[in-house]
Amino acid sequence: MRKAGKGREIHCMLIPVNPEALLLPTSTMAEVIDFTEPAPMESAPGWLLGQVEWESRQVPVFSFSDLINGTDAEAVSSGSKIMILKSLSNSARLPYLGLLLGDLPRPVVVRESNLEETGDEKKSLGAFRRVTVEEQDAIIPDLDRLTHLVTHATFGALPITQLDD
C-alpha cells in the first residue's frame, strides 16, 4: 500500500480512557454518545457497567481501565462519553461494544515513522501493544479478546480475566 514513495498511513483516534489512552483505527468506531447510566446487569464483573440502548439495540458498556487493572468501576465523571465500537465477532448477539471514555477522542494519522512500540511489562489483559504516537503513550487494544470477554460477561460463562505472570 505504498504510493509515490509515501509510507502507509492509518487514520486513528487517540481515546482517553483514564488514566490511559487507546489507539484505534477509525474504521472500528461507530459513534460517540453522551454518557447515560447503563442498565445494570446481574452478576456482571465490576468493569462491565451494564447496557445502554443505541440504534434500537442493547449495547454492553465496559471500562477498559478497570478491566486491565482488575478493579471495579468507580463513579463516572460528568464529561464522560461512550464510544460505540464495532465488534470483531460475526455474532448477531453482540455486534457492538460500548467503551467508557474520559473525554472526547482526538484524530491522529499513524505512520510507521511516528509510532514507537514501548512494550507491556504487565502483559495487560485486552492490550495488544503499548506504543507512543505523537509523544503520547497509548495502548492498542486486543479487540478480538475484548469482544470475547464482553460477550461472555454479558451472556454468562465468564472466561479467564487475568493473565498469569
N, C-alpha and C. Protein backbone atom coordinates (compact mmCIF):
# COMPACT_ATOMS: atom_id res chain seq x y z
N MET A 1 0.81 -1.20 0.00
CA MET A 1 0.00 0.00 0.00
C MET A 1 0.85 1.27 0.00
N ARG A 2 1.96 1.24 -0.63
CA ARG A 2 2.78 2.43 -0.71
C ARG A 2 2.53 3.13 -2.04
N LYS A 3 2.32 4.44 -1.98
CA LYS A 3 2.09 5.23 -3.18
C LYS A 3 3.13 6.33 -3.26
N ALA A 4 3.75 6.46 -4.41
CA ALA A 4 4.69 7.54 -4.68
C ALA A 4 5.70 7.74 -3.55
N GLY A 5 6.23 6.65 -3.03
CA GLY A 5 7.27 6.74 -2.01
C GLY A 5 6.78 7.06 -0.61
N LYS A 6 5.47 7.23 -0.42
CA LYS A 6 4.94 7.52 0.91
C LYS A 6 4.69 6.23 1.67
N GLY A 7 4.92 6.26 2.97
CA GLY A 7 4.63 5.11 3.81
C GLY A 7 3.13 4.98 4.05
N ARG A 8 2.72 3.84 4.50
CA ARG A 8 1.30 3.58 4.78
C ARG A 8 0.82 4.46 5.92
N GLU A 9 -0.36 5.01 5.78
CA GLU A 9 -0.97 5.82 6.82
C GLU A 9 -2.26 5.15 7.27
N ILE A 10 -2.50 5.20 8.56
CA ILE A 10 -3.75 4.68 9.11
C ILE A 10 -4.39 5.80 9.91
N HIS A 11 -5.64 6.11 9.59
CA HIS A 11 -6.37 7.14 10.32
C HIS A 11 -6.92 6.50 11.59
N CYS A 12 -6.53 7.08 12.72
CA CYS A 12 -6.87 6.52 14.03
C CYS A 12 -7.44 7.59 14.94
N MET A 13 -7.83 7.15 16.11
CA MET A 13 -8.26 8.05 17.17
C MET A 13 -7.48 7.70 18.42
N LEU A 14 -7.01 8.73 19.14
CA LEU A 14 -6.47 8.56 20.48
C LEU A 14 -7.65 8.76 21.42
N ILE A 15 -7.92 7.74 22.21
CA ILE A 15 -9.14 7.67 23.00
C ILE A 15 -8.80 7.69 24.49
N PRO A 16 -9.18 8.76 25.21
CA PRO A 16 -8.89 8.82 26.65
C PRO A 16 -9.79 7.87 27.44
N VAL A 17 -9.16 6.94 28.15
CA VAL A 17 -9.93 6.00 28.99
C VAL A 17 -9.45 6.05 30.43
N ASN A 18 -8.97 7.18 30.86
CA ASN A 18 -8.48 7.50 32.21
C ASN A 18 -7.94 6.30 32.99
N PRO A 19 -6.71 6.25 33.33
CA PRO A 19 -5.69 7.28 33.10
C PRO A 19 -4.91 7.05 31.81
N GLU A 20 -5.31 6.10 31.01
CA GLU A 20 -4.56 5.72 29.80
C GLU A 20 -5.25 6.28 28.56
N ALA A 21 -4.64 6.01 27.41
CA ALA A 21 -5.25 6.33 26.12
C ALA A 21 -5.17 5.09 25.24
N LEU A 22 -6.20 4.89 24.44
CA LEU A 22 -6.21 3.79 23.48
C LEU A 22 -5.97 4.37 22.10
N LEU A 23 -5.42 3.56 21.22
CA LEU A 23 -5.22 3.93 19.83
C LEU A 23 -5.99 2.92 18.99
N LEU A 24 -7.00 3.41 18.27
CA LEU A 24 -7.84 2.54 17.44
C LEU A 24 -8.02 3.14 16.06
N PRO A 25 -8.05 2.30 15.03
CA PRO A 25 -8.37 2.82 13.71
C PRO A 25 -9.81 3.33 13.68
N THR A 26 -10.04 4.39 12.93
CA THR A 26 -11.38 4.98 12.88
C THR A 26 -12.41 3.99 12.32
N SER A 27 -11.97 3.01 11.56
CA SER A 27 -12.90 2.04 10.97
C SER A 27 -13.58 1.16 12.00
N THR A 28 -13.06 1.09 13.24
CA THR A 28 -13.67 0.27 14.28
C THR A 28 -14.74 1.02 15.06
N MET A 29 -14.88 2.30 14.81
CA MET A 29 -15.77 3.14 15.60
C MET A 29 -17.08 3.41 14.87
N ALA A 30 -18.18 3.34 15.61
CA ALA A 30 -19.48 3.64 15.03
C ALA A 30 -19.95 5.04 15.41
N GLU A 31 -19.84 5.39 16.71
CA GLU A 31 -20.34 6.69 17.17
C GLU A 31 -19.85 6.94 18.59
N VAL A 32 -19.76 8.23 18.95
CA VAL A 32 -19.51 8.63 20.33
C VAL A 32 -20.79 9.29 20.82
N ILE A 33 -21.28 8.81 21.97
CA ILE A 33 -22.52 9.35 22.54
C ILE A 33 -22.25 9.88 23.94
N ASP A 34 -23.12 10.77 24.41
CA ASP A 34 -23.03 11.25 25.78
C ASP A 34 -23.27 10.10 26.73
N PHE A 35 -22.64 10.16 27.87
CA PHE A 35 -22.80 9.10 28.86
C PHE A 35 -24.23 9.12 29.40
N THR A 36 -24.85 7.97 29.41
CA THR A 36 -26.11 7.75 30.12
C THR A 36 -25.88 6.53 31.00
N GLU A 37 -26.46 6.53 32.14
CA GLU A 37 -26.27 5.44 33.09
C GLU A 37 -26.72 4.12 32.47
N PRO A 38 -25.81 3.16 32.32
CA PRO A 38 -26.20 1.87 31.76
C PRO A 38 -27.12 1.10 32.71
N ALA A 39 -28.04 0.34 32.14
CA ALA A 39 -28.89 -0.54 32.94
C ALA A 39 -28.01 -1.64 33.51
N PRO A 40 -28.00 -1.82 34.83
CA PRO A 40 -27.13 -2.84 35.43
C PRO A 40 -27.48 -4.25 34.96
N MET A 41 -26.46 -5.10 35.01
CA MET A 41 -26.63 -6.49 34.61
C MET A 41 -26.31 -7.38 35.81
N GLU A 42 -27.14 -8.35 36.03
CA GLU A 42 -26.96 -9.27 37.15
C GLU A 42 -25.67 -10.07 36.99
N SER A 43 -24.93 -10.19 38.05
CA SER A 43 -23.70 -10.98 38.11
C SER A 43 -22.60 -10.51 37.15
N ALA A 44 -22.64 -9.25 36.75
CA ALA A 44 -21.61 -8.73 35.86
C ALA A 44 -20.36 -8.39 36.65
N PRO A 45 -19.17 -8.58 36.05
CA PRO A 45 -17.94 -8.15 36.72
C PRO A 45 -17.92 -6.63 36.87
N GLY A 46 -17.10 -6.12 37.77
CA GLY A 46 -17.07 -4.69 38.07
C GLY A 46 -16.72 -3.80 36.90
N TRP A 47 -16.01 -4.31 35.92
CA TRP A 47 -15.62 -3.49 34.76
C TRP A 47 -16.72 -3.38 33.72
N LEU A 48 -17.76 -4.21 33.82
CA LEU A 48 -18.89 -4.16 32.89
C LEU A 48 -19.99 -3.33 33.55
N LEU A 49 -20.21 -2.13 33.03
CA LEU A 49 -21.09 -1.17 33.69
C LEU A 49 -22.57 -1.48 33.48
N GLY A 50 -22.90 -2.22 32.46
CA GLY A 50 -24.28 -2.53 32.14
C GLY A 50 -24.51 -2.34 30.65
N GLN A 51 -25.78 -2.07 30.29
CA GLN A 51 -26.12 -1.91 28.88
C GLN A 51 -26.86 -0.60 28.64
N VAL A 52 -26.59 0.00 27.47
CA VAL A 52 -27.33 1.18 27.03
C VAL A 52 -28.03 0.85 25.72
N GLU A 53 -29.11 1.58 25.46
CA GLU A 53 -29.79 1.38 24.19
C GLU A 53 -29.17 2.32 23.17
N TRP A 54 -28.83 1.76 22.02
CA TRP A 54 -28.26 2.53 20.90
C TRP A 54 -28.77 1.91 19.61
N GLU A 55 -29.36 2.73 18.76
CA GLU A 55 -29.88 2.25 17.48
C GLU A 55 -30.80 1.03 17.66
N SER A 56 -31.66 1.09 18.67
CA SER A 56 -32.62 0.02 18.98
C SER A 56 -31.96 -1.30 19.36
N ARG A 57 -30.75 -1.22 19.88
CA ARG A 57 -30.01 -2.41 20.35
C ARG A 57 -29.55 -2.17 21.79
N GLN A 58 -29.40 -3.26 22.52
CA GLN A 58 -28.79 -3.19 23.84
C GLN A 58 -27.28 -3.42 23.67
N VAL A 59 -26.49 -2.43 24.05
CA VAL A 59 -25.04 -2.48 23.87
C VAL A 59 -24.38 -2.51 25.24
N PRO A 60 -23.57 -3.54 25.53
CA PRO A 60 -22.87 -3.59 26.81
C PRO A 60 -21.76 -2.53 26.85
N VAL A 61 -21.65 -1.85 27.99
CA VAL A 61 -20.65 -0.78 28.18
C VAL A 61 -19.63 -1.25 29.20
N PHE A 62 -18.34 -1.11 28.85
CA PHE A 62 -17.30 -1.55 29.77
C PHE A 62 -16.24 -0.47 29.96
N SER A 63 -15.54 -0.59 31.09
CA SER A 63 -14.42 0.29 31.41
C SER A 63 -13.13 -0.45 31.11
N PHE A 64 -12.39 -0.01 30.08
CA PHE A 64 -11.15 -0.66 29.70
C PHE A 64 -10.14 -0.61 30.85
N SER A 65 -9.99 0.55 31.47
CA SER A 65 -9.03 0.70 32.57
C SER A 65 -9.32 -0.26 33.71
N ASP A 66 -10.59 -0.38 34.08
CA ASP A 66 -10.95 -1.29 35.17
C ASP A 66 -10.74 -2.75 34.76
N LEU A 67 -10.98 -3.06 33.51
CA LEU A 67 -10.75 -4.42 33.02
C LEU A 67 -9.27 -4.79 33.12
N ILE A 68 -8.38 -3.95 32.60
CA ILE A 68 -6.96 -4.32 32.60
C ILE A 68 -6.32 -4.22 33.98
N ASN A 69 -6.91 -3.40 34.86
CA ASN A 69 -6.36 -3.26 36.21
C ASN A 69 -7.04 -4.18 37.22
N GLY A 70 -8.08 -4.90 36.80
CA GLY A 70 -8.77 -5.81 37.71
C GLY A 70 -9.52 -5.11 38.82
N THR A 71 -10.06 -3.92 38.53
CA THR A 71 -10.77 -3.14 39.54
C THR A 71 -12.23 -2.97 39.15
N ASP A 72 -13.04 -2.54 40.10
CA ASP A 72 -14.44 -2.23 39.82
C ASP A 72 -14.54 -0.78 39.38
N ALA A 73 -15.47 -0.49 38.50
CA ALA A 73 -15.67 0.87 38.01
C ALA A 73 -16.10 1.77 39.16
N GLU A 74 -15.55 2.98 39.16
CA GLU A 74 -15.92 3.97 40.17
C GLU A 74 -16.93 4.93 39.57
N ALA A 75 -17.23 6.00 40.29
CA ALA A 75 -18.18 6.99 39.80
C ALA A 75 -17.68 7.57 38.47
N VAL A 76 -18.59 7.77 37.55
CA VAL A 76 -18.26 8.28 36.23
C VAL A 76 -18.32 9.80 36.26
N SER A 77 -17.29 10.46 35.71
CA SER A 77 -17.24 11.93 35.74
C SER A 77 -18.27 12.52 34.76
N SER A 78 -18.60 13.77 34.98
CA SER A 78 -19.66 14.41 34.21
C SER A 78 -19.34 14.57 32.73
N GLY A 79 -18.08 14.64 32.34
CA GLY A 79 -17.72 14.81 30.94
C GLY A 79 -17.54 13.50 30.18
N SER A 80 -17.87 12.40 30.81
CA SER A 80 -17.64 11.09 30.20
C SER A 80 -18.53 10.87 28.98
N LYS A 81 -18.04 10.03 28.10
CA LYS A 81 -18.75 9.66 26.87
C LYS A 81 -18.71 8.14 26.75
N ILE A 82 -19.47 7.63 25.81
CA ILE A 82 -19.43 6.21 25.47
C ILE A 82 -19.14 6.11 23.98
N MET A 83 -18.10 5.36 23.62
CA MET A 83 -17.80 5.12 22.22
C MET A 83 -18.39 3.78 21.84
N ILE A 84 -19.19 3.78 20.80
CA ILE A 84 -19.75 2.54 20.28
C ILE A 84 -18.75 1.99 19.27
N LEU A 85 -18.24 0.80 19.58
CA LEU A 85 -17.26 0.13 18.74
C LEU A 85 -17.91 -1.03 18.00
N LYS A 86 -17.45 -1.26 16.79
CA LYS A 86 -17.91 -2.42 16.03
C LYS A 86 -17.22 -3.66 16.61
N SER A 87 -18.01 -4.65 16.94
CA SER A 87 -17.47 -5.89 17.47
C SER A 87 -16.74 -6.63 16.37
N LEU A 88 -15.71 -7.37 16.74
CA LEU A 88 -14.99 -8.16 15.75
C LEU A 88 -15.58 -9.54 15.57
N SER A 89 -16.60 -9.85 16.34
CA SER A 89 -17.22 -11.17 16.18
C SER A 89 -18.27 -11.09 15.07
N ASN A 90 -18.54 -12.22 14.48
CA ASN A 90 -19.58 -12.28 13.46
C ASN A 90 -20.92 -12.62 14.07
N SER A 91 -21.01 -12.52 15.37
CA SER A 91 -22.22 -12.90 16.08
C SER A 91 -23.26 -11.79 16.05
N ALA A 92 -24.49 -12.14 15.79
CA ALA A 92 -25.58 -11.18 15.85
C ALA A 92 -25.90 -10.83 17.30
N ARG A 93 -25.42 -11.66 18.25
CA ARG A 93 -25.68 -11.40 19.66
C ARG A 93 -25.00 -10.13 20.15
N LEU A 94 -23.82 -9.84 19.63
CA LEU A 94 -23.05 -8.71 20.12
C LEU A 94 -22.31 -8.01 18.98
N PRO A 95 -23.05 -7.28 18.13
CA PRO A 95 -22.38 -6.61 17.02
C PRO A 95 -21.65 -5.33 17.42
N TYR A 96 -21.97 -4.79 18.62
CA TYR A 96 -21.34 -3.55 19.08
C TYR A 96 -20.97 -3.65 20.55
N LEU A 97 -19.92 -2.90 20.93
CA LEU A 97 -19.49 -2.77 22.32
C LEU A 97 -19.49 -1.29 22.68
N GLY A 98 -19.78 -0.98 23.92
CA GLY A 98 -19.70 0.40 24.40
C GLY A 98 -18.47 0.55 25.28
N LEU A 99 -17.62 1.50 24.95
CA LEU A 99 -16.38 1.76 25.68
C LEU A 99 -16.51 3.07 26.43
N LEU A 100 -16.32 3.05 27.75
CA LEU A 100 -16.39 4.25 28.56
C LEU A 100 -15.18 5.14 28.25
N LEU A 101 -15.45 6.41 27.93
CA LEU A 101 -14.39 7.37 27.63
C LEU A 101 -14.32 8.43 28.72
N GLY A 102 -13.11 8.90 29.00
CA GLY A 102 -12.93 10.00 29.94
C GLY A 102 -13.25 11.35 29.32
N ASP A 103 -13.11 11.44 27.99
CA ASP A 103 -13.32 12.69 27.26
C ASP A 103 -13.44 12.34 25.78
N LEU A 104 -13.54 13.34 24.95
CA LEU A 104 -13.66 13.10 23.51
C LEU A 104 -12.34 12.60 22.92
N PRO A 105 -12.41 11.68 21.97
CA PRO A 105 -11.20 11.19 21.30
C PRO A 105 -10.66 12.26 20.36
N ARG A 106 -9.38 12.08 19.98
CA ARG A 106 -8.77 13.03 19.05
C ARG A 106 -8.16 12.27 17.89
N PRO A 107 -8.37 12.77 16.67
CA PRO A 107 -7.85 12.07 15.49
C PRO A 107 -6.33 12.19 15.37
N VAL A 108 -5.70 11.13 14.90
CA VAL A 108 -4.27 11.12 14.59
C VAL A 108 -4.08 10.28 13.33
N VAL A 109 -3.07 10.63 12.57
CA VAL A 109 -2.68 9.82 11.42
C VAL A 109 -1.41 9.09 11.83
N VAL A 110 -1.47 7.77 11.79
CA VAL A 110 -0.34 6.95 12.23
C VAL A 110 0.45 6.49 11.02
N ARG A 111 1.74 6.73 11.08
CA ARG A 111 2.69 6.24 10.08
C ARG A 111 3.74 5.44 10.83
N GLU A 112 4.39 4.55 10.13
CA GLU A 112 5.47 3.78 10.78
C GLU A 112 6.47 4.69 11.45
N SER A 113 6.76 5.82 10.83
CA SER A 113 7.79 6.72 11.33
C SER A 113 7.40 7.44 12.63
N ASN A 114 6.10 7.52 12.95
CA ASN A 114 5.72 8.21 14.19
C ASN A 114 5.09 7.29 15.23
N LEU A 115 5.35 5.99 15.11
CA LEU A 115 4.83 5.00 16.05
C LEU A 115 6.00 4.24 16.65
N GLU A 116 6.08 4.24 17.97
CA GLU A 116 7.16 3.55 18.66
C GLU A 116 6.57 2.56 19.65
N GLU A 117 6.96 1.29 19.53
CA GLU A 117 6.48 0.27 20.48
C GLU A 117 7.24 0.43 21.79
N THR A 118 6.52 0.40 22.91
CA THR A 118 7.15 0.59 24.22
C THR A 118 7.14 -0.67 25.07
N GLY A 119 6.42 -1.70 24.66
CA GLY A 119 6.36 -2.94 25.45
C GLY A 119 5.27 -2.89 26.49
N ASP A 120 4.99 -4.05 27.08
CA ASP A 120 3.94 -4.16 28.09
C ASP A 120 4.42 -5.14 29.16
N GLU A 121 5.14 -4.61 30.14
CA GLU A 121 5.69 -5.47 31.20
C GLU A 121 4.59 -6.17 31.98
N LYS A 122 3.43 -5.52 32.11
CA LYS A 122 2.33 -6.09 32.89
C LYS A 122 1.59 -7.19 32.14
N LYS A 123 1.78 -7.29 30.83
CA LYS A 123 1.03 -8.22 29.99
C LYS A 123 -0.47 -8.06 30.26
N SER A 124 -0.91 -6.84 30.15
CA SER A 124 -2.30 -6.49 30.47
C SER A 124 -3.29 -7.23 29.60
N LEU A 125 -4.32 -7.72 30.24
CA LEU A 125 -5.40 -8.39 29.55
C LEU A 125 -6.12 -7.38 28.66
N GLY A 126 -6.32 -7.73 27.41
CA GLY A 126 -7.02 -6.84 26.50
C GLY A 126 -6.12 -5.84 25.80
N ALA A 127 -4.81 -5.84 26.12
CA ALA A 127 -3.87 -4.94 25.47
C ALA A 127 -3.06 -5.73 24.45
N PHE A 128 -3.07 -5.27 23.20
CA PHE A 128 -2.29 -5.91 22.15
C PHE A 128 -0.86 -5.39 22.16
N ARG A 129 -0.69 -4.07 22.19
CA ARG A 129 0.63 -3.44 22.23
C ARG A 129 0.54 -2.12 22.99
N ARG A 130 1.63 -1.74 23.59
CA ARG A 130 1.78 -0.40 24.15
C ARG A 130 2.71 0.36 23.23
N VAL A 131 2.30 1.58 22.87
CA VAL A 131 3.05 2.36 21.89
C VAL A 131 3.12 3.82 22.32
N THR A 132 3.95 4.57 21.60
CA THR A 132 3.96 6.02 21.72
C THR A 132 3.71 6.57 20.32
N VAL A 133 2.74 7.47 20.23
CA VAL A 133 2.43 8.13 18.96
C VAL A 133 2.23 9.61 19.26
N GLU A 134 2.90 10.46 18.48
CA GLU A 134 2.83 11.91 18.70
C GLU A 134 3.11 12.26 20.16
N GLU A 135 4.14 11.64 20.72
CA GLU A 135 4.60 11.88 22.10
C GLU A 135 3.56 11.52 23.16
N GLN A 136 2.58 10.70 22.82
CA GLN A 136 1.55 10.25 23.76
C GLN A 136 1.64 8.74 23.89
N ASP A 137 1.72 8.26 25.14
CA ASP A 137 1.68 6.82 25.37
C ASP A 137 0.26 6.34 25.14
N ALA A 138 0.14 5.18 24.50
CA ALA A 138 -1.19 4.64 24.20
C ALA A 138 -1.13 3.12 24.16
N ILE A 139 -2.30 2.53 24.28
CA ILE A 139 -2.45 1.08 24.19
C ILE A 139 -3.23 0.77 22.92
N ILE A 140 -2.72 -0.14 22.13
CA ILE A 140 -3.51 -0.70 21.03
C ILE A 140 -4.23 -1.89 21.64
N PRO A 141 -5.55 -1.79 21.80
CA PRO A 141 -6.27 -2.88 22.47
C PRO A 141 -6.41 -4.10 21.57
N ASP A 142 -6.55 -5.24 22.21
CA ASP A 142 -6.83 -6.50 21.52
C ASP A 142 -8.35 -6.61 21.40
N LEU A 143 -8.89 -6.07 20.30
CA LEU A 143 -10.35 -6.02 20.16
C LEU A 143 -10.99 -7.40 20.10
N ASP A 144 -10.29 -8.36 19.55
CA ASP A 144 -10.83 -9.72 19.50
C ASP A 144 -11.01 -10.25 20.92
N ARG A 145 -10.00 -10.10 21.75
CA ARG A 145 -10.08 -10.56 23.15
C ARG A 145 -11.13 -9.78 23.94
N LEU A 146 -11.18 -8.45 23.72
CA LEU A 146 -12.17 -7.64 24.42
C LEU A 146 -13.60 -8.06 24.04
N THR A 147 -13.81 -8.31 22.75
CA THR A 147 -15.13 -8.77 22.30
C THR A 147 -15.49 -10.07 22.99
N HIS A 148 -14.52 -10.98 23.06
CA HIS A 148 -14.74 -12.28 23.71
C HIS A 148 -15.09 -12.08 25.19
N LEU A 149 -14.33 -11.25 25.89
CA LEU A 149 -14.57 -11.03 27.32
C LEU A 149 -15.94 -10.39 27.58
N VAL A 150 -16.26 -9.36 26.80
CA VAL A 150 -17.54 -8.67 26.99
C VAL A 150 -18.70 -9.59 26.64
N THR A 151 -18.55 -10.38 25.58
CA THR A 151 -19.61 -11.33 25.21
C THR A 151 -19.88 -12.31 26.34
N HIS A 152 -18.82 -12.88 26.88
CA HIS A 152 -19.01 -13.86 27.95
C HIS A 152 -19.50 -13.23 29.24
N ALA A 153 -19.06 -12.01 29.53
CA ALA A 153 -19.55 -11.33 30.73
C ALA A 153 -21.01 -10.95 30.58
N THR A 154 -21.44 -10.64 29.36
CA THR A 154 -22.82 -10.24 29.10
C THR A 154 -23.77 -11.43 29.10
N PHE A 155 -23.33 -12.53 28.51
CA PHE A 155 -24.23 -13.68 28.34
C PHE A 155 -23.92 -14.85 29.25
N GLY A 156 -22.95 -14.69 30.16
CA GLY A 156 -22.62 -15.75 31.10
C GLY A 156 -21.36 -16.49 30.74
N ALA A 157 -20.93 -17.37 31.63
CA ALA A 157 -19.73 -18.20 31.45
C ALA A 157 -18.50 -17.35 31.22
N LEU A 158 -18.20 -16.46 32.16
CA LEU A 158 -17.05 -15.56 32.06
C LEU A 158 -15.75 -16.35 31.97
N PRO A 159 -14.92 -16.08 30.95
CA PRO A 159 -13.64 -16.77 30.81
C PRO A 159 -12.59 -16.18 31.75
N ILE A 160 -11.36 -16.62 31.61
CA ILE A 160 -10.24 -16.11 32.41
C ILE A 160 -10.15 -14.62 32.26
N THR A 161 -9.99 -13.88 33.36
CA THR A 161 -9.94 -12.41 33.29
C THR A 161 -8.59 -11.85 33.73
N GLN A 162 -7.61 -12.71 34.00
CA GLN A 162 -6.28 -12.23 34.33
C GLN A 162 -5.26 -13.17 33.73
N LEU A 163 -4.14 -12.61 33.31
CA LEU A 163 -3.06 -13.43 32.79
C LEU A 163 -2.09 -13.76 33.91
N ASP A 164 -1.51 -14.94 33.87
CA ASP A 164 -0.50 -15.29 34.85
C ASP A 164 0.79 -14.56 34.52
N ASP A 165 1.59 -14.27 35.55
CA ASP A 165 2.87 -13.59 35.33
C ASP A 165 3.86 -14.47 34.65
